[in-house]
Amino acid sequence: MAWICLNDAFFSIVNDGQHAGCLVVRARRKGDIEKVFPGVKVRTLRGRDYQFRAHVKREVVADAIRIAIMDIDYSNFKGSVDDPELHSAYQSFWHIHARLQPVPPYRM
């Protein structure tokens, strides 16, 4: 599984066991998948973890991630996130994962 944190969308990508050559792109927020994969059919599975899901060809996922990487024009990821809700989630994520660094260069 891959978690993809973009400055305007967050999703999880896993293998698609039902459709050969595809991955399942899963999101927690409505519209995040469509921002990166316009035109895909997104299903809503209420009451499920990652309730928004789409089957996307592996090549399409790889191309979209490549484009996102090539479009990076900022030196601070969290500072590039305009959506307050998404920024807050990434800030929490950053604090949790900062503990993985053996000797942080800051005080938390």
PDB file of N, CA and C in Angstrom:
ATOM      1  N   MET A   1       0.850  -1.178   0.000  1.00  0.00           N
ATOM      2  CA  MET A   1       0.000   0.000   0.000  1.00  0.00           C
ATOM      3  C   MET A   1       0.891   1.235   0.000  1.00  0.00           C
ATOM      4  N   ALA A   2       0.414   2.243  -0.640  1.00  0.00           N
ATOM      5  CA  ALA A   2       1.104   3.531  -0.633  1.00  0.00           C
ATOM      6  C   ALA A   2       0.132   4.601  -0.181  1.00  0.00           C
ATOM      7  N   TRP A   3       0.581   5.447   0.702  1.00  0.00           N
ATOM      8  CA  TRP A   3      -0.163   6.655   1.039  1.00  0.00           C
ATOM      9  C   TRP A   3       0.436   7.763   0.203  1.00  0.00           C
ATOM     10  N   ILE A   4      -0.401   8.488  -0.478  1.00  0.00           N
ATOM     11  CA  ILE A   4       0.062   9.589  -1.301  1.00  0.00           C
ATOM     12  C   ILE A   4      -0.473  10.883  -0.700  1.00  0.00           C
ATOM     13  N   CYS A   5       0.442  11.730  -0.266  1.00  0.00           N
ATOM     14  CA  CYS A   5       0.093  13.026   0.313  1.00  0.00           C
ATOM     15  C   CYS A   5       0.440  14.107  -0.698  1.00  0.00           C
ATOM     16  N   LEU A   6      -0.554  14.631  -1.348  1.00  0.00           N
ATOM     17  CA  LEU A   6      -0.359  15.748  -2.270  1.00  0.00           C
ATOM     18  C   LEU A   6      -0.842  17.015  -1.588  1.00  0.00           C
ATOM     19  N   ASN A   7      -0.460  18.162  -2.104  1.00  0.00           N
ATOM     20  CA  ASN A   7      -0.870  19.382  -1.420  1.00  0.00           C
ATOM     21  C   ASN A   7      -2.340  19.725  -1.629  1.00  0.00           C
ATOM     22  N   ASP A   8      -3.057  18.944  -2.450  1.00  0.00           N
ATOM     23  CA  ASP A   8      -4.497  19.177  -2.593  1.00  0.00           C
ATOM     24  C   ASP A   8      -5.329  17.902  -2.510  1.00  0.00           C
ATOM     25  N   ALA A   9      -4.709  16.765  -2.159  1.00  0.00           N
ATOM     26  CA  ALA A   9      -5.437  15.500  -2.074  1.00  0.00           C
ATOM     27  C   ALA A   9      -4.623  14.478  -1.289  1.00  0.00           C
ATOM     28  N   PHE A  10      -5.335  13.572  -0.666  1.00  0.00           N
ATOM     29  CA  PHE A  10      -4.698  12.450   0.043  1.00  0.00           C
ATOM     30  C   PHE A  10      -5.422  11.178  -0.355  1.00  0.00           C
ATOM     31  N   PHE A  11      -4.652  10.142  -0.703  1.00  0.00           N
ATOM     32  CA  PHE A  11      -5.289   8.867  -0.964  1.00  0.00           C
ATOM     33  C   PHE A  11      -4.336   7.719  -0.691  1.00  0.00           C
ATOM     34  N   SER A  12      -4.906   6.536  -0.686  1.00  0.00           N
ATOM     35  CA  SER A  12      -4.193   5.294  -0.475  1.00  0.00           C
ATOM     36  C   SER A  12      -4.314   4.481  -1.753  1.00  0.00           C
ATOM     37  N   ILE A  13      -3.240   3.796  -2.122  1.00  0.00           N
ATOM     38  CA  ILE A  13      -3.260   2.984  -3.325  1.00  0.00           C
ATOM     39  C   ILE A  13      -2.899   1.550  -2.950  1.00  0.00           C
ATOM     40  N   VAL A  14      -3.737   0.604  -3.380  1.00  0.00           N
ATOM     41  CA  VAL A  14      -3.496  -0.814  -3.114  1.00  0.00           C
ATOM     42  C   VAL A  14      -3.719  -1.610  -4.398  1.00  0.00           C
ATOM     43  N   ASN A  15      -3.271  -2.850  -4.386  1.00  0.00           N
ATOM     44  CA  ASN A  15      -3.470  -3.744  -5.519  1.00  0.00           C
ATOM     45  C   ASN A  15      -4.961  -3.978  -5.751  1.00  0.00           C
ATOM     46  N   ASP A  16      -5.335  -4.089  -6.996  1.00  0.00           N
ATOM     47  CA  ASP A  16      -6.718  -4.399  -7.365  1.00  0.00           C
ATOM     48  C   ASP A  16      -6.779  -5.879  -7.711  1.00  0.00           C
ATOM     49  N   GLY A  17      -7.294  -6.668  -6.816  1.00  0.00           N
ATOM     50  CA  GLY A  17      -7.369  -8.113  -7.019  1.00  0.00           C
ATOM     51  C   GLY A  17      -8.448  -8.539  -7.991  1.00  0.00           C
ATOM     52  N   GLN A  18      -9.296  -7.624  -8.412  1.00  0.00           N
ATOM     53  CA  GLN A  18     -10.405  -7.972  -9.301  1.00  0.00           C
ATOM     54  C   GLN A  18     -10.176  -7.560 -10.753  1.00  0.00           C
ATOM     55  N   HIS A  19      -9.340  -6.569 -10.979  1.00  0.00           N
ATOM     56  CA  HIS A  19      -9.125  -6.059 -12.329  1.00  0.00           C
ATOM     57  C   HIS A  19      -7.628  -6.090 -12.639  1.00  0.00           C
ATOM     58  N   ALA A  20      -7.243  -6.972 -13.550  1.00  0.00           N
ATOM     59  CA  ALA A  20      -5.826  -7.113 -13.901  1.00  0.00           C
ATOM     60  C   ALA A  20      -5.281  -5.795 -14.442  1.00  0.00           C
ATOM     61  N   GLY A  21      -4.073  -5.470 -14.013  1.00  0.00           N
ATOM     62  CA  GLY A  21      -3.419  -4.253 -14.497  1.00  0.00           C
ATOM     63  C   GLY A  21      -3.909  -2.984 -13.843  1.00  0.00           C
ATOM     64  N   CYS A  22      -4.735  -3.124 -12.800  1.00  0.00           N
ATOM     65  CA  CYS A  22      -5.287  -1.939 -12.129  1.00  0.00           C
ATOM     66  C   CYS A  22      -4.871  -1.887 -10.664  1.00  0.00           C
ATOM     67  N   LEU A  23      -4.984  -0.701 -10.115  1.00  0.00           N
ATOM     68  CA  LEU A  23      -4.817  -0.461  -8.691  1.00  0.00           C
ATOM     69  C   LEU A  23      -6.122   0.133  -8.179  1.00  0.00           C
ATOM     70  N   VAL A  24      -6.357   0.019  -6.881  1.00  0.00           N
ATOM     71  CA  VAL A  24      -7.503   0.685  -6.271  1.00  0.00           C
ATOM     72  C   VAL A  24      -6.980   1.947  -5.598  1.00  0.00           C
ATOM     73  N   VAL A  25      -7.473   3.076  -6.057  1.00  0.00           N
ATOM     74  CA  VAL A  25      -7.141   4.357  -5.442  1.00  0.00           C
ATOM     75  C   VAL A  25      -8.272   4.652  -4.471  1.00  0.00           C
ATOM     76  N   ARG A  26      -7.927   4.849  -3.194  1.00  0.00           N
ATOM     77  CA  ARG A  26      -8.936   5.017  -2.146  1.00  0.00           C
ATOM     78  C   ARG A  26      -8.733   6.369  -1.458  1.00  0.00           C
ATOM     79  N   ALA A  27      -9.833   7.034  -1.159  1.00  0.00           N
ATOM     80  CA  ALA A  27      -9.744   8.344  -0.508  1.00  0.00           C
ATOM     81  C   ALA A  27     -10.742   8.431   0.635  1.00  0.00           C
ATOM     82  N   ARG A  28     -10.459   9.304   1.557  1.00  0.00           N
ATOM     83  CA  ARG A  28     -11.365   9.562   2.675  1.00  0.00           C
ATOM     84  C   ARG A  28     -12.270  10.758   2.408  1.00  0.00           C
ATOM     85  N   ARG A  29     -11.844  11.614   1.473  1.00  0.00           N
ATOM     86  CA  ARG A  29     -12.612  12.833   1.194  1.00  0.00           C
ATOM     87  C   ARG A  29     -13.143  12.809  -0.233  1.00  0.00           C
ATOM     88  N   LYS A  30     -14.390  13.199  -0.359  1.00  0.00           N
ATOM     89  CA  LYS A  30     -15.024  13.280  -1.672  1.00  0.00           C
ATOM     90  C   LYS A  30     -14.272  14.301  -2.525  1.00  0.00           C
ATOM     91  N   GLY A  31     -13.946  13.909  -3.748  1.00  0.00           N
ATOM     92  CA  GLY A  31     -13.305  14.809  -4.690  1.00  0.00           C
ATOM     93  C   GLY A  31     -11.799  14.672  -4.797  1.00  0.00           C
ATOM     94  N   ASP A  32     -11.149  14.056  -3.823  1.00  0.00           N
ATOM     95  CA  ASP A  32      -9.690  13.941  -3.879  1.00  0.00           C
ATOM     96  C   ASP A  32      -9.228  13.085  -5.054  1.00  0.00           C
ATOM     97  N   ILE A  33      -9.904  11.984  -5.303  1.00  0.00           N
ATOM     98  CA  ILE A  33      -9.498  11.109  -6.412  1.00  0.00           C
ATOM     99  C   ILE A  33      -9.662  11.841  -7.741  1.00  0.00           C
ATOM    100  N   GLU A  34     -10.779  12.523  -7.901  1.00  0.00           N
ATOM    101  CA  GLU A  34     -11.070  13.211  -9.159  1.00  0.00           C
ATOM    102  C   GLU A  34     -10.072  14.333  -9.461  1.00  0.00           C
ATOM    103  N   LYS A  35      -9.485  14.927  -8.423  1.00  0.00           N
ATOM    104  CA  LYS A  35      -8.489  15.989  -8.648  1.00  0.00           C
ATOM    105  C   LYS A  35      -7.267  15.456  -9.389  1.00  0.00           C
ATOM    106  N   VAL A  36      -6.909  14.227  -9.117  1.00  0.00           N
ATOM    107  CA  VAL A  36      -5.693  13.652  -9.683  1.00  0.00           C
ATOM    108  C   VAL A  36      -5.989  12.728 -10.861  1.00  0.00           C
ATOM    109  N   PHE A  37      -7.162  12.126 -10.844  1.00  0.00           N
ATOM    110  CA  PHE A  37      -7.563  11.183 -11.890  1.00  0.00           C
ATOM    111  C   PHE A  37      -8.912  11.603 -12.477  1.00  0.00           C
ATOM    112  N   PRO A  38      -8.941  12.722 -13.200  1.00  0.00           N
ATOM    113  CA  PRO A  38     -10.223  13.188 -13.745  1.00  0.00           C
ATOM    114  C   PRO A  38     -10.814  12.164 -14.703  1.00  0.00           C
ATOM    115  N   GLY A  39     -12.122  12.007 -14.609  1.00  0.00           N
ATOM    116  CA  GLY A  39     -12.821  11.113 -15.520  1.00  0.00           C
ATOM    117  C   GLY A  39     -12.972   9.686 -15.031  1.00  0.00           C
ATOM    118  N   VAL A  40     -12.287   9.320 -13.939  1.00  0.00           N
ATOM    119  CA  VAL A  40     -12.470   7.953 -13.447  1.00  0.00           C
ATOM    120  C   VAL A  40     -13.797   7.836 -12.713  1.00  0.00           C
ATOM    121  N   LYS A  41     -14.325   6.634 -12.689  1.00  0.00           N
ATOM    122  CA  LYS A  41     -15.570   6.382 -11.967  1.00  0.00           C
ATOM    123  C   LYS A  41     -15.233   6.111 -10.505  1.00  0.00           C
ATOM    124  N   VAL A  42     -15.744   6.955  -9.619  1.00  0.00           N
ATOM    125  CA  VAL A  42     -15.488   6.813  -8.189  1.00  0.00           C
ATOM    126  C   VAL A  42     -16.735   6.239  -7.528  1.00  0.00           C
ATOM    127  N   ARG A  43     -16.532   5.158  -6.795  1.00  0.00           N
ATOM    128  CA  ARG A  43     -17.648   4.548  -6.040  1.00  0.00           C
ATOM    129  C   ARG A  43     -17.596   5.036  -4.597  1.00  0.00           C
ATOM    130  N   THR A  44     -18.757   5.172  -3.999  1.00  0.00           N
ATOM    131  CA  THR A  44     -18.849   5.536  -2.590  1.00  0.00           C
ATOM    132  C   THR A  44     -19.343   4.320  -1.820  1.00  0.00           C
ATOM    133  N   LEU A  45     -18.546   3.886  -0.855  1.00  0.00           N
ATOM    134  CA  LEU A  45     -18.892   2.736  -0.023  1.00  0.00           C
ATOM    135  C   LEU A  45     -19.081   3.237   1.402  1.00  0.00           C
ATOM    136  N   ARG A  46     -20.284   3.624   1.726  1.00  0.00           N
ATOM    137  CA  ARG A  46     -20.570   4.197   3.046  1.00  0.00           C
ATOM    138  C   ARG A  46     -20.237   3.211   4.157  1.00  0.00           C
ATOM    139  N   GLY A  47     -19.712   3.745   5.247  1.00  0.00           N
ATOM    140  CA  GLY A  47     -19.392   2.926   6.398  1.00  0.00           C
ATOM    141  C   GLY A  47     -18.102   2.129   6.264  1.00  0.00           C
ATOM    142  N   ARG A  48     -17.354   2.351   5.204  1.00  0.00           N
ATOM    143  CA  ARG A  48     -16.096   1.638   4.989  1.00  0.00           C
ATOM    144  C   ARG A  48     -14.924   2.594   5.181  1.00  0.00           C
ATOM    145  N   ASP A  49     -13.797   2.022   5.570  1.00  0.00           N
ATOM    146  CA  ASP A  49     -12.573   2.795   5.614  1.00  0.00           C
ATOM    147  C   ASP A  49     -12.249   3.189   4.172  1.00  0.00           C
ATOM    148  N   TYR A  50     -11.829   4.410   3.951  1.00  0.00           N
ATOM    149  CA  TYR A  50     -11.606   4.925   2.598  1.00  0.00           C
ATOM    150  C   TYR A  50     -12.870   4.704   1.761  1.00  0.00           C
ATOM    151  N   GLN A  51     -13.910   5.453   2.074  1.00  0.00           N
ATOM    152  CA  GLN A  51     -15.210   5.198   1.444  1.00  0.00           C
ATOM    153  C   GLN A  51     -15.282   5.568  -0.034  1.00  0.00           C
ATOM    154  N   PHE A  52     -14.338   6.347  -0.558  1.00  0.00           N
ATOM    155  CA  PHE A  52     -14.329   6.708  -1.979  1.00  0.00           C
ATOM    156  C   PHE A  52     -13.239   5.886  -2.671  1.00  0.00           C
ATOM    157  N   ARG A  53     -13.612   5.170  -3.746  1.00  0.00           N
ATOM    158  CA  ARG A  53     -12.675   4.253  -4.392  1.00  0.00           C
ATOM    159  C   ARG A  53     -12.832   4.264  -5.903  1.00  0.00           C
ATOM    160  N   ALA A  54     -11.708   4.045  -6.584  1.00  0.00           N
ATOM    161  CA  ALA A  54     -11.724   3.952  -8.042  1.00  0.00           C
ATOM    162  C   ALA A  54     -10.704   2.908  -8.485  1.00  0.00           C
ATOM    163  N   HIS A  55     -11.052   2.161  -9.511  1.00  0.00           N
ATOM    164  CA  HIS A  55     -10.127   1.221 -10.146  1.00  0.00           C
ATOM    165  C   HIS A  55      -9.424   1.993 -11.259  1.00  0.00           C
ATOM    166  N   VAL A  56      -8.104   2.074 -11.169  1.00  0.00           N
ATOM    167  CA  VAL A  56      -7.336   2.887 -12.122  1.00  0.00           C
ATOM    168  C   VAL A  56      -6.179   2.045 -12.656  1.00  0.00           C
ATOM    169  N   LYS A  57      -5.962   2.101 -13.954  1.00  0.00           N
ATOM    170  CA  LYS A  57      -4.849   1.360 -14.557  1.00  0.00           C
ATOM    171  C   LYS A  57      -3.527   1.808 -13.926  1.00  0.00           C
ATOM    172  N   ARG A  58      -2.648   0.844 -13.697  1.00  0.00           N
ATOM    173  CA  ARG A  58      -1.351   1.115 -13.063  1.00  0.00           C
ATOM    174  C   ARG A  58      -0.578   2.210 -13.791  1.00  0.00           C
ATOM    175  N   GLU A  59      -0.599   2.183 -15.099  1.00  0.00           N
ATOM    176  CA  GLU A  59       0.139   3.179 -15.882  1.00  0.00           C
ATOM    177  C   GLU A  59      -0.422   4.578 -15.650  1.00  0.00           C
ATOM    178  N   VAL A  60      -1.733   4.683 -15.511  1.00  0.00           N
ATOM    179  CA  VAL A  60      -2.365   5.982 -15.269  1.00  0.00           C
ATOM    180  C   VAL A  60      -1.963   6.500 -13.893  1.00  0.00           C
ATOM    181  N   VAL A  61      -1.949   5.606 -12.891  1.00  0.00           N
ATOM    182  CA  VAL A  61      -1.521   6.001 -11.546  1.00  0.00           C
ATOM    183  C   VAL A  61      -0.066   6.455 -11.581  1.00  0.00           C
ATOM    184  N   ALA A  62       0.789   5.668 -12.213  1.00  0.00           N
ATOM    185  CA  ALA A  62       2.215   6.014 -12.280  1.00  0.00           C
ATOM    186  C   ALA A  62       2.425   7.346 -12.986  1.00  0.00           C
ATOM    187  N   ASP A  63       1.711   7.577 -14.081  1.00  0.00           N
ATOM    188  CA  ASP A  63       1.844   8.842 -14.811  1.00  0.00           C
ATOM    189  C   ASP A  63       1.396  10.023 -13.952  1.00  0.00           C
ATOM    190  N   ALA A  64       0.288   9.864 -13.234  1.00  0.00           N
ATOM    191  CA  ALA A  64      -0.230  10.952 -12.407  1.00  0.00           C
ATOM    192  C   ALA A  64       0.737  11.292 -11.272  1.00  0.00           C
ATOM    193  N   ILE A  65       1.320  10.277 -10.659  1.00  0.00           N
ATOM    194  CA  ILE A  65       2.279  10.515  -9.572  1.00  0.00           C
ATOM    195  C   ILE A  65       3.540  11.160 -10.134  1.00  0.00           C
ATOM    196  N   ARG A  66       3.974  10.719 -11.293  1.00  0.00           N
ATOM    197  CA  ARG A  66       5.148  11.325 -11.928  1.00  0.00           C
ATOM    198  C   ARG A  66       4.908  12.806 -12.203  1.00  0.00           C
ATOM    199  N   ILE A  67       3.746  13.122 -12.737  1.00  0.00           N
ATOM    200  CA  ILE A  67       3.411  14.523 -13.017  1.00  0.00           C
ATOM    201  C   ILE A  67       3.405  15.340 -11.726  1.00  0.00           C
ATOM    202  N   ALA A  68       2.802  14.788 -10.678  1.00  0.00           N
ATOM    203  CA  ALA A  68       2.766  15.499  -9.392  1.00  0.00           C
ATOM    204  C   ALA A  68       4.178  15.773  -8.884  1.00  0.00           C
ATOM    205  N   ILE A  69       5.062  14.812  -9.037  1.00  0.00           N
ATOM    206  CA  ILE A  69       6.449  14.996  -8.599  1.00  0.00           C
ATOM    207  C   ILE A  69       7.148  16.052  -9.452  1.00  0.00           C
ATOM    208  N   MET A  70       6.959  15.986 -10.748  1.00  0.00           N
ATOM    209  CA  MET A  70       7.607  16.944 -11.644  1.00  0.00           C
ATOM    210  C   MET A  70       7.089  18.370 -11.439  1.00  0.00           C
ATOM    211  N   ASP A  71       5.862  18.506 -10.927  1.00  0.00           N
ATOM    212  CA  ASP A  71       5.261  19.824 -10.715  1.00  0.00           C
ATOM    213  C   ASP A  71       5.613  20.455  -9.367  1.00  0.00           C
ATOM    214  N   ILE A  72       6.401  19.769  -8.535  1.00  0.00           N
ATOM    215  CA  ILE A  72       6.753  20.335  -7.227  1.00  0.00           C
ATOM    216  C   ILE A  72       7.530  21.634  -7.443  1.00  0.00           C
ATOM    217  N   ASP A  73       7.021  22.701  -6.828  1.00  0.00           N
ATOM    218  CA  ASP A  73       7.668  24.010  -6.959  1.00  0.00           C
ATOM    219  C   ASP A  73       7.812  24.714  -5.609  1.00  0.00           C
ATOM    220  N   TYR A  74       7.766  23.956  -4.538  1.00  0.00           N
ATOM    221  CA  TYR A  74       7.834  24.521  -3.192  1.00  0.00           C
ATOM    222  C   TYR A  74       8.988  23.880  -2.433  1.00  0.00           C
ATOM    223  N   SER A  75       9.446  24.566  -1.383  1.00  0.00           N
ATOM    224  CA  SER A  75      10.521  24.014  -0.560  1.00  0.00           C
ATOM    225  C   SER A  75      10.014  23.518   0.793  1.00  0.00           C
ATOM    226  N   ASN A  76       8.726  23.726   1.065  1.00  0.00           N
ATOM    227  CA  ASN A  76       8.121  23.253   2.308  1.00  0.00           C
ATOM    228  C   ASN A  76       6.750  22.685   1.963  1.00  0.00           C
ATOM    229  N   PHE A  77       6.614  21.364   2.095  1.00  0.00           N
ATOM    230  CA  PHE A  77       5.371  20.709   1.686  1.00  0.00           C
ATOM    231  C   PHE A  77       4.163  21.229   2.459  1.00  0.00           C
ATOM    232  N   LYS A  78       4.236  21.195   3.793  1.00  0.00           N
ATOM    233  CA  LYS A  78       3.076  21.635   4.584  1.00  0.00           C
ATOM    234  C   LYS A  78       2.696  23.071   4.261  1.00  0.00           C
ATOM    235  N   GLY A  79       3.681  23.901   3.972  1.00  0.00           N
ATOM    236  CA  GLY A  79       3.404  25.287   3.613  1.00  0.00           C
ATOM    237  C   GLY A  79       2.705  25.433   2.271  1.00  0.00           C
ATOM    238  N   SER A  80       2.725  24.386   1.452  1.00  0.00           N
ATOM    239  CA  SER A  80       2.078  24.441   0.139  1.00  0.00           C
ATOM    240  C   SER A  80       0.621  23.992   0.174  1.00  0.00           C
ATOM    241  N   VAL A  81       0.159  23.544   1.341  1.00  0.00           N
ATOM    242  CA  VAL A  81      -1.207  23.019   1.471  1.00  0.00           C
ATOM    243  C   VAL A  81      -2.143  24.147   1.899  1.00  0.00           C
ATOM    244  N   ASP A  82      -3.050  24.534   1.013  1.00  0.00           N
ATOM    245  CA  ASP A  82      -3.978  25.633   1.289  1.00  0.00           C
ATOM    246  C   ASP A  82      -5.217  25.200   2.064  1.00  0.00           C
ATOM    247  N   ASP A  83      -5.674  23.982   1.857  1.00  0.00           N
ATOM    248  CA  ASP A  83      -6.892  23.481   2.501  1.00  0.00           C
ATOM    249  C   ASP A  83      -6.636  23.303   4.003  1.00  0.00           C
ATOM    250  N   PRO A  84      -7.342  24.043   4.870  1.00  0.00           N
ATOM    251  CA  PRO A  84      -7.076  23.973   6.319  1.00  0.00           C
ATOM    252  C   PRO A  84      -7.261  22.572   6.910  1.00  0.00           C
ATOM    253  N   GLU A  85      -8.270  21.857   6.460  1.00  0.00           N
ATOM    254  CA  GLU A  85      -8.530  20.512   6.974  1.00  0.00           C
ATOM    255  C   GLU A  85      -7.393  19.553   6.595  1.00  0.00           C
ATOM    256  N   LEU A  86      -6.959  19.623   5.348  1.00  0.00           N
ATOM    257  CA  LEU A  86      -5.874  18.770   4.886  1.00  0.00           C
ATOM    258  C   LEU A  86      -4.555  19.163   5.554  1.00  0.00           C
ATOM    259  N   HIS A  87      -4.319  20.452   5.699  1.00  0.00           N
ATOM    260  CA  HIS A  87      -3.104  20.933   6.369  1.00  0.00           C
ATOM    261  C   HIS A  87      -3.046  20.410   7.801  1.00  0.00           C
ATOM    262  N   SER A  88      -4.154  20.469   8.506  1.00  0.00           N
ATOM    263  CA  SER A  88      -4.209  19.975   9.884  1.00  0.00           C
ATOM    264  C   SER A  88      -3.901  18.479   9.943  1.00  0.00           C
ATOM    265  N   ALA A  89      -4.459  17.714   9.007  1.00  0.00           N
ATOM    266  CA  ALA A  89      -4.192  16.275   8.976  1.00  0.00           C
ATOM    267  C   ALA A  89      -2.706  16.013   8.724  1.00  0.00           C
ATOM    268  N   TYR A  90      -2.123  16.739   7.785  1.00  0.00           N
ATOM    269  CA  TYR A  90      -0.697  16.551   7.491  1.00  0.00           C
ATOM    270  C   TYR A  90       0.178  17.003   8.659  1.00  0.00           C
ATOM    271  N   GLN A  91      -0.222  18.033   9.357  1.00  0.00           N
ATOM    272  CA  GLN A  91       0.535  18.489  10.527  1.00  0.00           C
ATOM    273  C   GLN A  91       0.553  17.388  11.589  1.00  0.00           C
ATOM    274  N   SER A  92      -0.587  16.764  11.828  1.00  0.00           N
ATOM    275  CA  SER A  92      -0.657  15.652  12.790  1.00  0.00           C
ATOM    276  C   SER A  92       0.209  14.489  12.323  1.00  0.00           C
ATOM    277  N   PHE A  93       0.107  14.177  11.044  1.00  0.00           N
ATOM    278  CA  PHE A  93       0.902  13.114  10.440  1.00  0.00           C
ATOM    279  C   PHE A  93       2.398  13.399  10.626  1.00  0.00           C
ATOM    280  N   TRP A  94       2.808  14.650  10.400  1.00  0.00           N
ATOM    281  CA  TRP A  94       4.204  15.045  10.542  1.00  0.00           C
ATOM    282  C   TRP A  94       4.679  14.820  11.975  1.00  0.00           C
ATOM    283  N   HIS A  95       3.883  15.250  12.960  1.00  0.00           N
ATOM    284  CA  HIS A  95       4.280  15.099  14.363  1.00  0.00           C
ATOM    285  C   HIS A  95       4.440  13.626  14.748  1.00  0.00           C
ATOM    286  N   ILE A  96       3.523  12.799  14.314  1.00  0.00           N
ATOM    287  CA  ILE A  96       3.595  11.371  14.631  1.00  0.00           C
ATOM    288  C   ILE A  96       4.847  10.759  14.012  1.00  0.00           C
ATOM    289  N   HIS A  97       5.105  11.069  12.757  1.00  0.00           N
ATOM    290  CA  HIS A  97       6.246  10.466  12.075  1.00  0.00           C
ATOM    291  C   HIS A  97       7.581  11.092  12.462  1.00  0.00           C
ATOM    292  N   ALA A  98       7.567  12.287  12.998  1.00  0.00           N
ATOM    293  CA  ALA A  98       8.813  12.902  13.462  1.00  0.00           C
ATOM    294  C   ALA A  98       9.437  12.074  14.585  1.00  0.00           C
ATOM    295  N   ARG A  99       8.604  11.363  15.315  1.00  0.00           N
ATOM    296  CA  ARG A  99       9.105  10.524  16.408  1.00  0.00           C
ATOM    297  C   ARG A  99       9.918   9.338  15.900  1.00  0.00           C
ATOM    298  N   LEU A 100       9.813   9.027  14.612  1.00  0.00           N
ATOM    299  CA  LEU A 100      10.591   7.933  14.041  1.00  0.00           C
ATOM    300  C   LEU A 100      12.063   8.305  13.886  1.00  0.00           C
ATOM    301  N   GLN A 101      12.339   9.600  13.810  1.00  0.00           N
ATOM    302  CA  GLN A 101      13.718  10.065  13.665  1.00  0.00           C
ATOM    303  C   GLN A 101      14.414   9.906  15.004  1.00  0.00           C
ATOM    304  N   PRO A 102      15.562   9.222  15.028  1.00  0.00           N
ATOM    305  CA  PRO A 102      16.216   8.916  16.306  1.00  0.00           C
ATOM    306  C   PRO A 102      16.532  10.148  17.154  1.00  0.00           C
ATOM    307  N   VAL A 103      17.108  11.172  16.547  1.00  0.00           N
ATOM    308  CA  VAL A 103      17.448  12.372  17.302  1.00  0.00           C
ATOM    309  C   VAL A 103      16.897  13.572  16.547  1.00  0.00           C
ATOM    310  N   PRO A 104      15.734  14.044  16.962  1.00  0.00           N
ATOM    311  CA  PRO A 104      15.161  15.177  16.239  1.00  0.00           C
ATOM    312  C   PRO A 104      15.991  16.433  16.425  1.00  0.00           C
ATOM    313  N   PRO A 105      16.090  17.254  15.380  1.00  0.00           N
ATOM    314  CA  PRO A 105      16.877  18.488  15.470  1.00  0.00           C
ATOM    315  C   PRO A 105      16.059  19.632  16.061  1.00  0.00           C
ATOM    316  N   TYR A 106      15.036  19.338  16.805  1.00  0.00           N
ATOM    317  CA  TYR A 106      14.108  20.340  17.339  1.00  0.00           C
ATOM    318  C   TYR A 106      13.487  19.773  18.594  1.00  0.00           C
ATOM    319  N   ARG A 107      12.768  20.580  19.293  1.00  0.00           N
ATOM    320  CA  ARG A 107      12.018  20.119  20.470  1.00  0.00           C
ATOM    321  C   ARG A 107      10.560  20.031  20.059  1.00  0.00           C
ATOM    322  N   MET A 108       9.927  18.914  20.382  1.00  0.00           N
ATOM    323  CA  MET A 108       8.516  18.736  20.016  1.00  0.00           C
ATOM    324  C   MET A 108       7.612  19.104  21.173  1.00  0.00           C
TER     325      MET A 108
END
